[in-house]
PDB file of N, CA and C in Angstrom:
ATOM      1  N   MET A   1      -8.323 -17.726  -5.399  1.00  0.00           N
ATOM      2  CA  MET A   1      -8.971 -16.644  -4.674  1.00  0.00           C
ATOM      3  C   MET A   1      -9.804 -17.241  -3.529  1.00  0.00           C
ATOM      4  N   PRO A   2      -9.668 -16.684  -2.320  1.00  0.00           N
ATOM      5  CA  PRO A   2     -10.426 -17.230  -1.183  1.00  0.00           C
ATOM      6  C   PRO A   2     -11.919 -16.923  -1.287  1.00  0.00           C
ATOM      7  N   LYS A   3     -12.729 -17.789  -0.705  1.00  0.00           N
ATOM      8  CA  LYS A   3     -14.176 -17.557  -0.679  1.00  0.00           C
ATOM      9  C   LYS A   3     -14.466 -16.376   0.240  1.00  0.00           C
ATOM     10  N   ARG A   4     -15.428 -15.565  -0.162  1.00  0.00           N
ATOM     11  CA  ARG A   4     -15.818 -14.397   0.618  1.00  0.00           C
ATOM     12  C   ARG A   4     -17.324 -14.391   0.843  1.00  0.00           C
ATOM     13  N   ASN A   5     -17.722 -13.752   1.923  1.00  0.00           N
ATOM     14  CA  ASN A   5     -19.133 -13.522   2.224  1.00  0.00           C
ATOM     15  C   ASN A   5     -19.337 -12.042   2.495  1.00  0.00           C
ATOM     16  N   ALA A   6     -20.524 -11.573   2.181  1.00  0.00           N
ATOM     17  CA  ALA A   6     -20.879 -10.188   2.470  1.00  0.00           C
ATOM     18  C   ALA A   6     -21.251 -10.057   3.941  1.00  0.00           C
ATOM     19  N   ILE A   7     -20.893  -8.921   4.532  1.00  0.00           N
ATOM     20  CA  ILE A   7     -21.335  -8.597   5.882  1.00  0.00           C
ATOM     21  C   ILE A   7     -21.877  -7.167   5.874  1.00  0.00           C
ATOM     22  N   VAL A   8     -22.864  -6.918   6.713  1.00  0.00           N
ATOM     23  CA  VAL A   8     -23.535  -5.623   6.768  1.00  0.00           C
ATOM     24  C   VAL A   8     -23.248  -4.965   8.114  1.00  0.00           C
ATOM     25  N   THR A   9     -22.914  -3.687   8.083  1.00  0.00           N
ATOM     26  CA  THR A   9     -22.823  -2.909   9.316  1.00  0.00           C
ATOM     27  C   THR A   9     -24.251  -2.490   9.627  1.00  0.00           C
ATOM     28  N   VAL A  10     -24.933  -3.284  10.454  1.00  0.00           N
ATOM     29  CA  VAL A  10     -26.374  -3.124  10.645  1.00  0.00           C
ATOM     30  C   VAL A  10     -26.745  -1.790  11.286  1.00  0.00           C
ATOM     31  N   GLN A  11     -25.866  -1.236  12.105  1.00  0.00           N
ATOM     32  CA  GLN A  11     -26.160   0.033  12.763  1.00  0.00           C
ATOM     33  C   GLN A  11     -26.264   1.190  11.769  1.00  0.00           C
ATOM     34  N   GLU A  12     -25.642   1.038  10.605  1.00  0.00           N
ATOM     35  CA  GLU A  12     -25.632   2.104   9.605  1.00  0.00           C
ATOM     36  C   GLU A  12     -26.498   1.803   8.385  1.00  0.00           C
ATOM     37  N   CYS A  13     -27.024   0.586   8.292  1.00  0.00           N
ATOM     38  CA  CYS A  13     -27.854   0.188   7.156  1.00  0.00           C
ATOM     39  C   CYS A  13     -29.170   0.959   7.182  1.00  0.00           C
ATOM     40  N   VAL A  14     -29.590   1.445   6.008  1.00  0.00           N
ATOM     41  CA  VAL A  14     -30.840   2.205   5.900  1.00  0.00           C
ATOM     42  C   VAL A  14     -31.991   1.359   5.352  1.00  0.00           C
ATOM     43  N   ALA A  15     -31.765   0.070   5.169  1.00  0.00           N
ATOM     44  CA  ALA A  15     -32.795  -0.879   4.732  1.00  0.00           C
ATOM     45  C   ALA A  15     -33.498  -0.455   3.440  1.00  0.00           C
ATOM     46  N   CYS A  16     -32.734   0.061   2.496  1.00  0.00           N
ATOM     47  CA  CYS A  16     -33.313   0.535   1.235  1.00  0.00           C
ATOM     48  C   CYS A  16     -33.688  -0.609   0.295  1.00  0.00           C
ATOM     49  N   GLY A  17     -33.017  -1.761   0.443  1.00  0.00           N
ATOM     50  CA  GLY A  17     -33.329  -2.918  -0.390  1.00  0.00           C
ATOM     51  C   GLY A  17     -32.578  -2.992  -1.699  1.00  0.00           C
ATOM     52  N   CYS A  18     -31.684  -2.061  -1.963  1.00  0.00           N
ATOM     53  CA  CYS A  18     -30.915  -2.109  -3.217  1.00  0.00           C
ATOM     54  C   CYS A  18     -30.114  -3.394  -3.336  1.00  0.00           C
ATOM     55  N   CYS A  19     -29.556  -3.851  -2.240  1.00  0.00           N
ATOM     56  CA  CYS A  19     -28.759  -5.081  -2.244  1.00  0.00           C
ATOM     57  C   CYS A  19     -29.618  -6.307  -2.518  1.00  0.00           C
ATOM     58  N   VAL A  20     -30.824  -6.300  -1.999  1.00  0.00           N
ATOM     59  CA  VAL A  20     -31.744  -7.420  -2.197  1.00  0.00           C
ATOM     60  C   VAL A  20     -32.031  -7.593  -3.691  1.00  0.00           C
ATOM     61  N   LYS A  21     -32.217  -6.486  -4.379  1.00  0.00           N
ATOM     62  CA  LYS A  21     -32.566  -6.512  -5.805  1.00  0.00           C
ATOM     63  C   LYS A  21     -31.453  -7.060  -6.685  1.00  0.00           C
ATOM     64  N   VAL A  22     -30.188  -6.859  -6.297  1.00  0.00           N
ATOM     65  CA  VAL A  22     -29.083  -7.272  -7.173  1.00  0.00           C
ATOM     66  C   VAL A  22     -28.479  -8.621  -6.811  1.00  0.00           C
ATOM     67  N   CYS A  23     -28.851  -9.185  -5.683  1.00  0.00           N
ATOM     68  CA  CYS A  23     -28.257 -10.462  -5.260  1.00  0.00           C
ATOM     69  C   CYS A  23     -28.733 -11.604  -6.168  1.00  0.00           C
ATOM     70  N   PRO A  24     -27.795 -12.260  -6.887  1.00  0.00           N
ATOM     71  CA  PRO A  24     -28.195 -13.326  -7.809  1.00  0.00           C
ATOM     72  C   PRO A  24     -28.623 -14.618  -7.107  1.00  0.00           C
ATOM     73  N   LYS A  25     -28.338 -14.750  -5.823  1.00  0.00           N
ATOM     74  CA  LYS A  25     -28.647 -15.977  -5.093  1.00  0.00           C
ATOM     75  C   LYS A  25     -29.756 -15.790  -4.054  1.00  0.00           C
ATOM     76  N   ASN A  26     -30.398 -14.626  -4.047  1.00  0.00           N
ATOM     77  CA  ASN A  26     -31.451 -14.333  -3.062  1.00  0.00           C
ATOM     78  C   ASN A  26     -30.969 -14.579  -1.637  1.00  0.00           C
ATOM     79  N   ALA A  27     -29.735 -14.176  -1.362  1.00  0.00           N
ATOM     80  CA  ALA A  27     -29.124 -14.403  -0.057  1.00  0.00           C
ATOM     81  C   ALA A  27     -29.358 -13.250   0.914  1.00  0.00           C
ATOM     82  N   ILE A  28     -30.050 -12.208   0.463  1.00  0.00           N
ATOM     83  CA  ILE A  28     -30.226 -11.019   1.298  1.00  0.00           C
ATOM     84  C   ILE A  28     -31.708 -10.735   1.496  1.00  0.00           C
ATOM     85  N   SER A  29     -32.052 -10.385   2.717  1.00  0.00           N
ATOM     86  CA  SER A  29     -33.423  -9.963   3.023  1.00  0.00           C
ATOM     87  C   SER A  29     -33.346  -8.773   3.971  1.00  0.00           C
ATOM     88  N   ILE A  30     -34.429  -8.022   4.033  1.00  0.00           N
ATOM     89  CA  ILE A  30     -34.503  -6.895   4.968  1.00  0.00           C
ATOM     90  C   ILE A  30     -35.182  -7.400   6.233  1.00  0.00           C
ATOM     91  N   TYR A  31     -34.476  -7.305   7.345  1.00  0.00           N
ATOM     92  CA  TYR A  31     -34.959  -7.812   8.621  1.00  0.00           C
ATOM     93  C   TYR A  31     -35.845  -6.774   9.313  1.00  0.00           C
ATOM     94  N   LYS A  32     -37.113  -7.098   9.439  1.00  0.00           N
ATOM     95  CA  LYS A  32     -38.091  -6.249  10.131  1.00  0.00           C
ATOM     96  C   LYS A  32     -38.029  -4.779   9.720  1.00  0.00           C
ATOM     97  N   GLY A  33     -37.695  -4.541   8.452  1.00  0.00           N
ATOM     98  CA  GLY A  33     -37.664  -3.177   7.931  1.00  0.00           C
ATOM     99  C   GLY A  33     -36.552  -2.321   8.484  1.00  0.00           C
ATOM    100  N   THR A  34     -35.556  -2.934   9.132  1.00  0.00           N
ATOM    101  CA  THR A  34     -34.525  -2.130   9.781  1.00  0.00           C
ATOM    102  C   THR A  34     -33.123  -2.267   9.196  1.00  0.00           C
ATOM    103  N   TYR A  35     -32.756  -3.448   8.684  1.00  0.00           N
ATOM    104  CA  TYR A  35     -31.428  -3.615   8.097  1.00  0.00           C
ATOM    105  C   TYR A  35     -31.398  -4.849   7.201  1.00  0.00           C
ATOM    106  N   ALA A  36     -30.392  -4.876   6.325  1.00  0.00           N
ATOM    107  CA  ALA A  36     -30.202  -6.022   5.438  1.00  0.00           C
ATOM    108  C   ALA A  36     -29.526  -7.142   6.205  1.00  0.00           C
ATOM    109  N   GLU A  37     -29.990  -8.358   5.957  1.00  0.00           N
ATOM    110  CA  GLU A  37     -29.434  -9.539   6.617  1.00  0.00           C
ATOM    111  C   GLU A  37     -28.953 -10.494   5.535  1.00  0.00           C
ATOM    112  N   ILE A  38     -27.727 -10.976   5.668  1.00  0.00           N
ATOM    113  CA  ILE A  38     -27.123 -11.864   4.679  1.00  0.00           C
ATOM    114  C   ILE A  38     -27.203 -13.315   5.150  1.00  0.00           C
ATOM    115  N   ASN A  39     -27.704 -14.187   4.288  1.00  0.00           N
ATOM    116  CA  ASN A  39     -27.677 -15.622   4.561  1.00  0.00           C
ATOM    117  C   ASN A  39     -26.330 -16.125   4.040  1.00  0.00           C
ATOM    118  N   LYS A  40     -25.393 -16.346   4.944  1.00  0.00           N
ATOM    119  CA  LYS A  40     -24.030 -16.698   4.548  1.00  0.00           C
ATOM    120  C   LYS A  40     -23.939 -18.032   3.824  1.00  0.00           C
ATOM    121  N   SER A  41     -24.872 -18.919   4.055  1.00  0.00           N
ATOM    122  CA  SER A  41     -24.819 -20.203   3.351  1.00  0.00           C
ATOM    123  C   SER A  41     -25.222 -20.054   1.880  1.00  0.00           C
ATOM    124  N   LEU A  42     -25.939 -18.994   1.544  1.00  0.00           N
ATOM    125  CA  LEU A  42     -26.331 -18.748   0.156  1.00  0.00           C
ATOM    126  C   LEU A  42     -25.393 -17.773  -0.555  1.00  0.00           C
ATOM    127  N   CYS A  43     -24.725 -16.911   0.192  1.00  0.00           N
ATOM    128  CA  CYS A  43     -23.852 -15.877  -0.394  1.00  0.00           C
ATOM    129  C   CYS A  43     -22.679 -16.531  -1.124  1.00  0.00           C
ATOM    130  N   VAL A  44     -22.429 -16.056  -2.350  1.00  0.00           N
ATOM    131  CA  VAL A  44     -21.319 -16.577  -3.144  1.00  0.00           C
ATOM    132  C   VAL A  44     -20.166 -15.572  -3.259  1.00  0.00           C
ATOM    133  N   GLY A  45     -20.295 -14.438  -2.570  1.00  0.00           N
ATOM    134  CA  GLY A  45     -19.211 -13.458  -2.554  1.00  0.00           C
ATOM    135  C   GLY A  45     -19.005 -12.718  -3.854  1.00  0.00           C
ATOM    136  N   CYS A  46     -20.058 -12.491  -4.603  1.00  0.00           N
ATOM    137  CA  CYS A  46     -19.927 -11.843  -5.918  1.00  0.00           C
ATOM    138  C   CYS A  46     -19.691 -10.330  -5.832  1.00  0.00           C
ATOM    139  N   ARG A  47     -19.956  -9.740  -4.675  1.00  0.00           N
ATOM    140  CA  ARG A  47     -19.732  -8.316  -4.406  1.00  0.00           C
ATOM    141  C   ARG A  47     -20.754  -7.375  -5.049  1.00  0.00           C
ATOM    142  N   LYS A  48     -21.754  -7.907  -5.714  1.00  0.00           N
ATOM    143  CA  LYS A  48     -22.746  -7.039  -6.353  1.00  0.00           C
ATOM    144  C   LYS A  48     -23.466  -6.177  -5.330  1.00  0.00           C
ATOM    145  N   CYS A  49     -23.782  -6.735  -4.178  1.00  0.00           N
ATOM    146  CA  CYS A  49     -24.487  -5.989  -3.137  1.00  0.00           C
ATOM    147  C   CYS A  49     -23.632  -4.847  -2.609  1.00  0.00           C
ATOM    148  N   ALA A  50     -22.347  -5.116  -2.381  1.00  0.00           N
ATOM    149  CA  ALA A  50     -21.443  -4.091  -1.859  1.00  0.00           C
ATOM    150  C   ALA A  50     -21.294  -2.932  -2.846  1.00  0.00           C
ATOM    151  N   LYS A  51     -21.249  -3.258  -4.134  1.00  0.00           N
ATOM    152  CA  LYS A  51     -21.123  -2.219  -5.153  1.00  0.00           C
ATOM    153  C   LYS A  51     -22.398  -1.388  -5.260  1.00  0.00           C
ATOM    154  N   GLU A  52     -23.542  -2.004  -5.042  1.00  0.00           N
ATOM    155  CA  GLU A  52     -24.837  -1.333  -5.208  1.00  0.00           C
ATOM    156  C   GLU A  52     -25.248  -0.509  -3.981  1.00  0.00           C
ATOM    157  N   CYS A  53     -24.750  -0.842  -2.810  1.00  0.00           N
ATOM    158  CA  CYS A  53     -25.189  -0.214  -1.561  1.00  0.00           C
ATOM    159  C   CYS A  53     -24.902   1.290  -1.545  1.00  0.00           C
ATOM    160  N   PRO A  54     -25.954   2.137  -1.500  1.00  0.00           N
ATOM    161  CA  PRO A  54     -25.746   3.584  -1.502  1.00  0.00           C
ATOM    162  C   PRO A  54     -25.163   4.101  -0.188  1.00  0.00           C
ATOM    163  N   ALA A  55     -25.315   3.329   0.883  1.00  0.00           N
ATOM    164  CA  ALA A  55     -24.794   3.743   2.185  1.00  0.00           C
ATOM    165  C   ALA A  55     -23.390   3.179   2.452  1.00  0.00           C
ATOM    166  N   SER A  56     -22.886   2.357   1.541  1.00  0.00           N
ATOM    167  CA  SER A  56     -21.557   1.739   1.659  1.00  0.00           C
ATOM    168  C   SER A  56     -21.363   1.003   2.982  1.00  0.00           C
ATOM    169  N   VAL A  57     -22.375   0.232   3.381  1.00  0.00           N
ATOM    170  CA  VAL A  57     -22.297  -0.490   4.652  1.00  0.00           C
ATOM    171  C   VAL A  57     -22.116  -1.997   4.472  1.00  0.00           C
ATOM    172  N   ILE A  58     -21.922  -2.444   3.229  1.00  0.00           N
ATOM    173  CA  ILE A  58     -21.685  -3.860   2.971  1.00  0.00           C
ATOM    174  C   ILE A  58     -20.230  -4.041   2.572  1.00  0.00           C
ATOM    175  N   THR A  59     -19.553  -4.925   3.285  1.00  0.00           N
ATOM    176  CA  THR A  59     -18.176  -5.244   2.983  1.00  0.00           C
ATOM    177  C   THR A  59     -18.059  -6.752   2.807  1.00  0.00           C
ATOM    178  N   MET A  60     -16.892  -7.183   2.379  1.00  0.00           N
ATOM    179  CA  MET A  60     -16.669  -8.604   2.163  1.00  0.00           C
ATOM    180  C   MET A  60     -15.660  -9.117   3.179  1.00  0.00           C
ATOM    181  N   GLU A  61     -15.911 -10.322   3.687  1.00  0.00           N
ATOM    182  CA  GLU A  61     -14.976 -10.954   4.611  1.00  0.00           C
ATOM    183  C   GLU A  61     -14.548 -12.289   4.038  1.00  0.00           C
ATOM    184  N   VAL A  62     -13.309 -12.657   4.284  1.00  0.00           N
ATOM    185  CA  VAL A  62     -12.792 -13.939   3.835  1.00  0.00           C
ATOM    186  C   VAL A  62     -13.368 -15.021   4.755  1.00  0.00           C
ATOM    187  N   VAL A  63     -13.874 -16.076   4.159  1.00  0.00           N
ATOM    188  CA  VAL A  63     -14.433 -17.184   4.908  1.00  0.00           C
ATOM    189  C   VAL A  63     -13.307 -18.090   5.359  1.00  0.00           C
ATOM    190  N   LYS A  64     -13.212 -18.311   6.644  1.00  0.00           N
ATOM    191  CA  LYS A  64     -12.192 -19.217   7.183  1.00  0.00           C
ATOM    192  C   LYS A  64     -12.727 -20.638   7.104  1.00  0.00           C
ATOM    193  N   GLU A  65     -11.959 -21.510   6.514  1.00  0.00           N
ATOM    194  CA  GLU A  65     -12.398 -22.889   6.324  1.00  0.00           C
ATOM    195  C   GLU A  65     -11.856 -23.805   7.378  1.00  0.00           C
TER     196      GLU A  65
END
């Protein structure tokens, strides 16, 4: 299975913080109270954030090596 990282559609993110709470690697933070920001070097692609997001603005992308 290829490695994946989470990506956020920042224009639609409501900065609720649900993704921050479920991330097992603390790879997500809320940037200036406006949107979720993913630290790609910490993200392990577990998809927990995407499943938890009430606005459905987190998707997964395949990491090109």
